[in-house]
N, C-alpha and C. Protein backbone atom coordinates (compact mmCIF):
# COMPACT_ATOMS: atom_id res chain seq x y z
N UNK A 1 24.05 250.32 127.97
CA UNK A 1 25.25 249.57 127.78
C UNK A 1 25.06 248.16 128.30
N UNK A 2 25.43 247.15 127.48
CA UNK A 2 25.23 245.76 127.86
C UNK A 2 26.29 245.35 128.87
N UNK A 3 25.84 244.63 129.86
CA UNK A 3 26.78 244.16 130.88
C UNK A 3 27.29 242.77 130.49
N UNK A 4 28.59 242.52 130.69
CA UNK A 4 29.12 241.20 130.38
C UNK A 4 28.53 240.16 131.31
N UNK A 5 28.44 238.95 130.80
CA UNK A 5 27.94 237.85 131.63
C UNK A 5 28.86 237.67 132.82
N UNK A 6 28.28 237.34 133.94
CA UNK A 6 29.10 237.16 135.14
C UNK A 6 29.92 235.87 135.07
N UNK A 7 29.50 234.91 134.24
CA UNK A 7 30.21 233.63 134.14
C UNK A 7 31.35 233.69 133.14
N UNK A 8 31.49 234.79 132.41
CA UNK A 8 32.55 234.89 131.41
C UNK A 8 33.89 234.97 132.11
N UNK A 9 34.85 234.19 131.55
CA UNK A 9 36.21 234.22 132.09
C UNK A 9 37.14 234.67 130.99
N UNK A 10 38.26 235.22 131.38
CA UNK A 10 39.22 235.67 130.37
C UNK A 10 39.71 234.48 129.54
N UNK A 11 40.04 234.77 128.30
CA UNK A 11 40.51 233.74 127.37
C UNK A 11 41.77 233.04 127.90
N UNK A 12 42.67 233.77 128.47
CA UNK A 12 43.90 233.19 129.03
C UNK A 12 43.60 232.17 130.12
N UNK A 13 42.62 232.48 130.95
CA UNK A 13 42.22 231.56 132.02
C UNK A 13 41.63 230.28 131.43
N UNK A 14 40.83 230.42 130.37
CA UNK A 14 40.23 229.25 129.72
C UNK A 14 41.32 228.36 129.11
N UNK A 15 42.30 228.98 128.45
CA UNK A 15 43.39 228.20 127.87
C UNK A 15 44.21 227.51 128.94
N UNK A 16 44.44 228.19 130.06
CA UNK A 16 45.19 227.58 131.16
C UNK A 16 44.45 226.37 131.70
N UNK A 17 43.14 226.49 131.86
CA UNK A 17 42.33 225.37 132.35
C UNK A 17 42.33 224.22 131.35
N UNK A 18 42.22 224.57 130.05
CA UNK A 18 42.25 223.55 129.01
C UNK A 18 43.60 222.80 129.05
N UNK A 19 44.67 223.53 129.23
CA UNK A 19 46.00 222.93 129.31
C UNK A 19 46.10 221.99 130.51
N UNK A 20 45.60 222.42 131.67
CA UNK A 20 45.64 221.57 132.88
C UNK A 20 44.82 220.30 132.68
N UNK A 21 43.62 220.46 132.12
CA UNK A 21 42.76 219.30 131.93
C UNK A 21 43.32 218.34 130.88
N UNK A 22 43.92 218.89 129.84
CA UNK A 22 44.56 218.03 128.82
C UNK A 22 45.71 217.27 129.45
N UNK A 23 46.48 217.95 130.26
CA UNK A 23 47.61 217.32 130.94
C UNK A 23 47.12 216.20 131.86
N UNK A 24 46.07 216.47 132.59
CA UNK A 24 45.50 215.46 133.49
C UNK A 24 44.98 214.27 132.70
N UNK A 25 44.32 214.54 131.58
CA UNK A 25 43.80 213.48 130.73
C UNK A 25 44.93 212.60 130.19
N UNK A 26 45.99 213.23 129.71
CA UNK A 26 47.12 212.47 129.18
C UNK A 26 47.74 211.61 130.27
N UNK A 27 47.94 212.19 131.47
CA UNK A 27 48.51 211.40 132.57
C UNK A 27 47.62 210.21 132.92
N UNK A 28 46.32 210.43 132.91
CA UNK A 28 45.38 209.34 133.21
C UNK A 28 45.45 208.25 132.15
N UNK A 29 45.53 208.65 130.89
CA UNK A 29 45.63 207.66 129.80
C UNK A 29 46.93 206.87 129.90
N UNK A 30 48.02 207.56 130.23
CA UNK A 30 49.31 206.87 130.37
C UNK A 30 49.24 205.88 131.54
N UNK A 31 48.64 206.30 132.64
CA UNK A 31 48.51 205.40 133.80
C UNK A 31 47.67 204.17 133.45
N UNK A 32 46.60 204.39 132.70
CA UNK A 32 45.75 203.26 132.28
C UNK A 32 46.53 202.32 131.37
N UNK A 33 47.27 202.89 130.43
CA UNK A 33 48.06 202.06 129.51
C UNK A 33 49.11 201.26 130.29
N UNK A 34 49.77 201.88 131.25
CA UNK A 34 50.77 201.17 132.06
C UNK A 34 50.13 200.02 132.83
N UNK A 35 48.96 200.29 133.39
CA UNK A 35 48.25 199.26 134.14
C UNK A 35 47.87 198.08 133.24
N UNK A 36 47.34 198.40 132.06
CA UNK A 36 46.97 197.33 131.12
C UNK A 36 48.18 196.53 130.68
N UNK A 37 49.28 197.23 130.38
CA UNK A 37 50.49 196.53 129.94
C UNK A 37 51.05 195.64 131.05
N UNK A 38 51.00 196.11 132.29
CA UNK A 38 51.49 195.31 133.41
C UNK A 38 50.66 194.03 133.55
N UNK A 39 49.35 194.17 133.47
CA UNK A 39 48.47 193.00 133.57
C UNK A 39 48.71 192.03 132.41
N UNK A 40 48.86 192.58 131.21
CA UNK A 40 49.10 191.74 130.04
C UNK A 40 50.43 191.02 130.16
N UNK A 41 51.46 191.74 130.61
CA UNK A 41 52.78 191.13 130.77
C UNK A 41 52.74 190.00 131.79
N UNK A 42 51.99 190.17 132.85
CA UNK A 42 51.87 189.11 133.86
C UNK A 42 51.21 187.87 133.27
N UNK A 43 50.15 188.07 132.49
CA UNK A 43 49.47 186.93 131.86
C UNK A 43 50.38 186.24 130.85
N UNK A 44 51.09 187.04 130.05
CA UNK A 44 52.00 186.47 129.06
C UNK A 44 53.10 185.69 129.75
N UNK A 45 53.60 186.20 130.87
CA UNK A 45 54.63 185.49 131.63
C UNK A 45 54.13 184.14 132.12
N UNK A 46 52.94 184.12 132.68
CA UNK A 46 52.36 182.84 133.15
C UNK A 46 52.16 181.87 131.99
N UNK A 47 51.62 182.37 130.89
CA UNK A 47 51.37 181.51 129.74
C UNK A 47 52.67 180.99 129.15
N UNK A 48 53.70 181.83 129.12
CA UNK A 48 55.00 181.39 128.61
C UNK A 48 55.60 180.30 129.49
N UNK A 49 55.42 180.43 130.79
CA UNK A 49 55.91 179.41 131.71
C UNK A 49 55.20 178.07 131.46
N UNK A 50 53.91 178.15 131.17
CA UNK A 50 53.16 176.92 130.86
C UNK A 50 53.69 176.27 129.58
N UNK A 51 53.98 177.09 128.58
CA UNK A 51 54.52 176.56 127.32
C UNK A 51 55.87 175.91 127.57
N UNK A 52 56.72 176.57 128.36
CA UNK A 52 58.05 176.03 128.66
C UNK A 52 57.94 174.71 129.42
N UNK A 53 57.06 174.65 130.38
CA UNK A 53 56.87 173.41 131.14
C UNK A 53 56.35 172.31 130.22
N UNK A 54 55.39 172.63 129.38
CA UNK A 54 54.87 171.64 128.43
C UNK A 54 55.95 171.15 127.49
N UNK A 55 56.79 172.06 127.02
CA UNK A 55 57.90 171.67 126.14
C UNK A 55 58.89 170.76 126.84
N UNK A 56 59.20 171.07 128.11
CA UNK A 56 60.13 170.23 128.87
C UNK A 56 59.56 168.83 129.08
N UNK A 57 58.27 168.76 129.41
CA UNK A 57 57.65 167.45 129.60
C UNK A 57 57.57 166.67 128.29
N UNK A 58 57.27 167.34 127.19
CA UNK A 58 57.22 166.67 125.89
C UNK A 58 58.62 166.17 125.51
N UNK A 59 59.64 166.95 125.81
CA UNK A 59 61.02 166.53 125.51
C UNK A 59 61.38 165.28 126.33
N UNK A 60 61.00 165.28 127.61
CA UNK A 60 61.27 164.11 128.45
C UNK A 60 60.54 162.89 127.89
N UNK A 61 59.31 163.08 127.44
CA UNK A 61 58.56 161.97 126.85
C UNK A 61 59.22 161.45 125.59
N UNK A 62 59.74 162.36 124.76
CA UNK A 62 60.42 161.95 123.54
C UNK A 62 61.68 161.13 123.88
N UNK A 63 62.40 161.55 124.90
CA UNK A 63 63.60 160.81 125.30
C UNK A 63 63.25 159.39 125.75
N UNK A 64 62.15 159.25 126.45
CA UNK A 64 61.72 157.92 126.89
C UNK A 64 61.35 157.06 125.67
N UNK A 65 60.67 157.64 124.71
CA UNK A 65 60.30 156.90 123.49
C UNK A 65 61.55 156.48 122.73
N UNK A 66 62.54 157.37 122.65
CA UNK A 66 63.80 157.04 121.97
C UNK A 66 64.47 155.87 122.69
N UNK A 67 64.49 155.92 124.02
CA UNK A 67 65.09 154.81 124.78
C UNK A 67 64.33 153.51 124.52
N UNK A 68 62.99 153.60 124.42
CA UNK A 68 62.20 152.40 124.15
C UNK A 68 62.52 151.84 122.77
N UNK A 69 62.73 152.68 121.78
CA UNK A 69 63.09 152.22 120.43
C UNK A 69 64.45 151.53 120.47
N UNK A 70 65.39 152.12 121.20
CA UNK A 70 66.71 151.50 121.34
C UNK A 70 66.58 150.12 121.98
N UNK A 71 65.79 150.01 123.05
CA UNK A 71 65.60 148.72 123.72
C UNK A 71 64.90 147.71 122.81
N UNK A 72 63.93 148.18 122.02
CA UNK A 72 63.23 147.30 121.09
C UNK A 72 64.20 146.73 120.05
N UNK A 73 65.05 147.60 119.50
CA UNK A 73 66.03 147.14 118.52
C UNK A 73 67.03 146.18 119.16
N UNK A 74 67.41 146.47 120.41
CA UNK A 74 68.36 145.60 121.11
C UNK A 74 67.73 144.24 121.39
N UNK A 75 66.44 144.23 121.73
CA UNK A 75 65.76 142.96 122.01
C UNK A 75 65.55 142.15 120.74
N UNK A 76 65.49 142.82 119.60
CA UNK A 76 65.27 142.09 118.36
C UNK A 76 66.57 141.53 117.78
N UNK A 77 67.66 141.61 118.53
CA UNK A 77 68.88 140.95 118.10
C UNK A 77 70.04 141.88 117.83
N UNK A 78 69.82 143.18 117.72
CA UNK A 78 70.91 144.12 117.49
C UNK A 78 71.64 144.34 118.82
N UNK A 79 72.94 144.51 118.77
CA UNK A 79 73.64 144.78 120.03
C UNK A 79 73.20 146.16 120.54
N UNK A 80 73.10 146.33 121.86
CA UNK A 80 72.57 147.57 122.42
C UNK A 80 73.31 148.82 121.94
N UNK A 81 74.63 148.78 121.83
CA UNK A 81 75.36 149.97 121.39
C UNK A 81 75.02 150.31 119.94
N UNK A 82 74.84 149.27 119.10
CA UNK A 82 74.51 149.50 117.70
C UNK A 82 73.08 150.04 117.57
N UNK A 83 72.17 149.52 118.39
CA UNK A 83 70.79 150.02 118.39
C UNK A 83 70.77 151.50 118.77
N UNK A 84 71.57 151.89 119.76
CA UNK A 84 71.63 153.30 120.19
C UNK A 84 72.22 154.17 119.07
N UNK A 85 73.24 153.66 118.38
CA UNK A 85 73.86 154.42 117.29
C UNK A 85 72.86 154.62 116.15
N UNK A 86 72.13 153.57 115.79
CA UNK A 86 71.15 153.66 114.69
C UNK A 86 70.08 154.69 115.03
N UNK A 87 69.52 154.60 116.22
CA UNK A 87 68.47 155.55 116.62
C UNK A 87 69.05 156.96 116.70
N UNK A 88 70.26 157.10 117.22
CA UNK A 88 70.91 158.41 117.31
C UNK A 88 71.11 159.03 115.95
N UNK A 89 71.55 158.22 114.97
CA UNK A 89 71.77 158.73 113.62
C UNK A 89 70.45 159.19 113.00
N UNK A 90 69.40 158.41 113.19
CA UNK A 90 68.09 158.79 112.64
C UNK A 90 67.62 160.12 113.23
N UNK A 91 67.72 160.26 114.54
CA UNK A 91 67.26 161.50 115.18
C UNK A 91 68.16 162.68 114.83
N UNK A 92 69.47 162.47 114.76
CA UNK A 92 70.39 163.55 114.39
C UNK A 92 70.12 163.99 112.94
N UNK A 93 69.85 163.05 112.05
CA UNK A 93 69.53 163.39 110.67
C UNK A 93 68.25 164.20 110.57
N UNK A 94 67.23 163.78 111.32
CA UNK A 94 65.96 164.54 111.31
C UNK A 94 66.18 165.94 111.88
N UNK A 95 66.96 166.04 112.95
CA UNK A 95 67.25 167.36 113.53
C UNK A 95 67.98 168.25 112.55
N UNK A 96 68.98 167.70 111.87
CA UNK A 96 69.75 168.46 110.87
C UNK A 96 68.83 168.97 109.77
N UNK A 97 67.94 168.11 109.30
CA UNK A 97 66.99 168.50 108.24
C UNK A 97 66.16 169.71 108.68
N UNK A 98 65.60 169.66 109.89
CA UNK A 98 64.75 170.75 110.36
C UNK A 98 65.54 172.03 110.61
N UNK A 99 66.76 171.91 111.11
CA UNK A 99 67.61 173.10 111.32
C UNK A 99 67.91 173.76 109.98
N UNK A 100 68.29 172.97 108.99
CA UNK A 100 68.60 173.53 107.67
C UNK A 100 67.37 174.17 107.04
N UNK A 101 66.23 173.54 107.18
CA UNK A 101 65.00 174.10 106.64
C UNK A 101 64.67 175.44 107.31
N UNK A 102 64.84 175.51 108.61
CA UNK A 102 64.59 176.75 109.34
C UNK A 102 65.56 177.85 108.96
N UNK A 103 66.85 177.52 108.81
CA UNK A 103 67.86 178.52 108.43
C UNK A 103 67.56 179.05 107.03
N UNK A 104 67.20 178.19 106.12
CA UNK A 104 66.87 178.62 104.76
C UNK A 104 65.67 179.57 104.78
N UNK A 105 64.66 179.25 105.57
CA UNK A 105 63.47 180.11 105.65
C UNK A 105 63.83 181.45 106.28
N UNK A 106 64.68 181.45 107.30
CA UNK A 106 65.08 182.71 107.94
C UNK A 106 65.87 183.60 107.00
N UNK A 107 66.71 183.02 106.16
CA UNK A 107 67.49 183.81 105.21
C UNK A 107 66.59 184.49 104.19
N UNK A 108 65.46 183.90 103.86
CA UNK A 108 64.53 184.50 102.89
C UNK A 108 63.67 185.58 103.52
N UNK A 109 63.60 185.61 104.83
CA UNK A 109 62.70 186.52 105.54
C UNK A 109 63.23 187.95 105.49
N UNK A 110 62.36 188.89 105.12
CA UNK A 110 62.70 190.32 105.09
C UNK A 110 62.15 190.94 106.37
N UNK A 111 63.03 191.41 107.24
CA UNK A 111 62.59 191.93 108.53
C UNK A 111 62.41 193.45 108.55
N UNK A 112 62.53 194.08 107.39
CA UNK A 112 62.34 195.53 107.32
C UNK A 112 60.89 195.87 107.61
N UNK A 113 60.65 196.79 108.57
CA UNK A 113 59.27 197.21 108.85
C UNK A 113 58.77 198.15 107.75
N UNK A 114 58.30 197.58 106.67
CA UNK A 114 57.97 198.34 105.46
C UNK A 114 56.91 199.42 105.71
N UNK A 115 55.87 199.11 106.46
CA UNK A 115 54.82 200.10 106.70
C UNK A 115 55.36 201.28 107.50
N UNK A 116 56.22 201.01 108.48
CA UNK A 116 56.79 202.08 109.29
C UNK A 116 57.70 202.96 108.44
N UNK A 117 58.54 202.35 107.61
CA UNK A 117 59.42 203.11 106.73
C UNK A 117 58.61 203.99 105.79
N UNK A 118 57.57 203.43 105.21
CA UNK A 118 56.72 204.19 104.29
C UNK A 118 56.03 205.35 105.02
N UNK A 119 55.54 205.08 106.22
CA UNK A 119 54.88 206.12 107.01
C UNK A 119 55.86 207.24 107.36
N UNK A 120 57.10 206.87 107.70
CA UNK A 120 58.11 207.87 108.03
C UNK A 120 58.45 208.74 106.81
N UNK A 121 58.51 208.11 105.64
CA UNK A 121 58.77 208.87 104.41
C UNK A 121 57.64 209.87 104.15
N UNK A 122 56.40 209.41 104.32
CA UNK A 122 55.25 210.28 104.10
C UNK A 122 55.25 211.44 105.09
N UNK A 123 55.58 211.15 106.34
CA UNK A 123 55.64 212.20 107.36
C UNK A 123 56.72 213.22 107.03
N UNK A 124 57.87 212.74 106.59
CA UNK A 124 58.96 213.65 106.22
C UNK A 124 58.54 214.53 105.05
N UNK A 125 57.87 213.96 104.05
CA UNK A 125 57.38 214.73 102.91
C UNK A 125 56.38 215.78 103.36
N UNK A 126 55.46 215.39 104.23
CA UNK A 126 54.45 216.31 104.74
C UNK A 126 55.11 217.46 105.48
N UNK A 127 56.08 217.14 106.36
CA UNK A 127 56.77 218.17 107.14
C UNK A 127 57.55 219.11 106.21
N UNK A 128 58.14 218.54 105.18
CA UNK A 128 58.90 219.35 104.23
C UNK A 128 57.99 220.36 103.53
N UNK A 129 56.81 219.93 103.14
CA UNK A 129 55.86 220.81 102.46
C UNK A 129 55.28 221.86 103.41
N UNK A 130 55.21 221.54 104.71
CA UNK A 130 54.67 222.48 105.67
C UNK A 130 55.63 223.64 105.92
N UNK A 131 56.91 223.39 105.77
CA UNK A 131 57.90 224.43 106.04
C UNK A 131 58.13 225.35 104.86
N UNK A 132 57.64 224.97 103.69
CA UNK A 132 57.84 225.81 102.50
C UNK A 132 56.68 226.72 102.26
């Protein structure tokens, strides 16, 4: 009569160990993902702050240039209030143009996540066929 191997373990014990190890693996993967996301979020936060600071400085520079244009027009003989009104109208018109262009583009934009919707439909079809 053949003797069973001494290293053989019951099937239930093997499945229990597989379940524990799978659980440990999933927890480790989740911890790694959380760590990576935290690091990425910190970098994105720093980079966003740099963009905001750059935008604020560029805006301040633009305001100085606008003031210089107003002074230039005033020095060339236009009254200072009229020079400010002319420059203000030009900048307000340019701003209006860009706002309208952006609004028109946004209205044309389709924000439906088409690939996700299609994938969900396919999954629902697959699940439906599995139950029949």
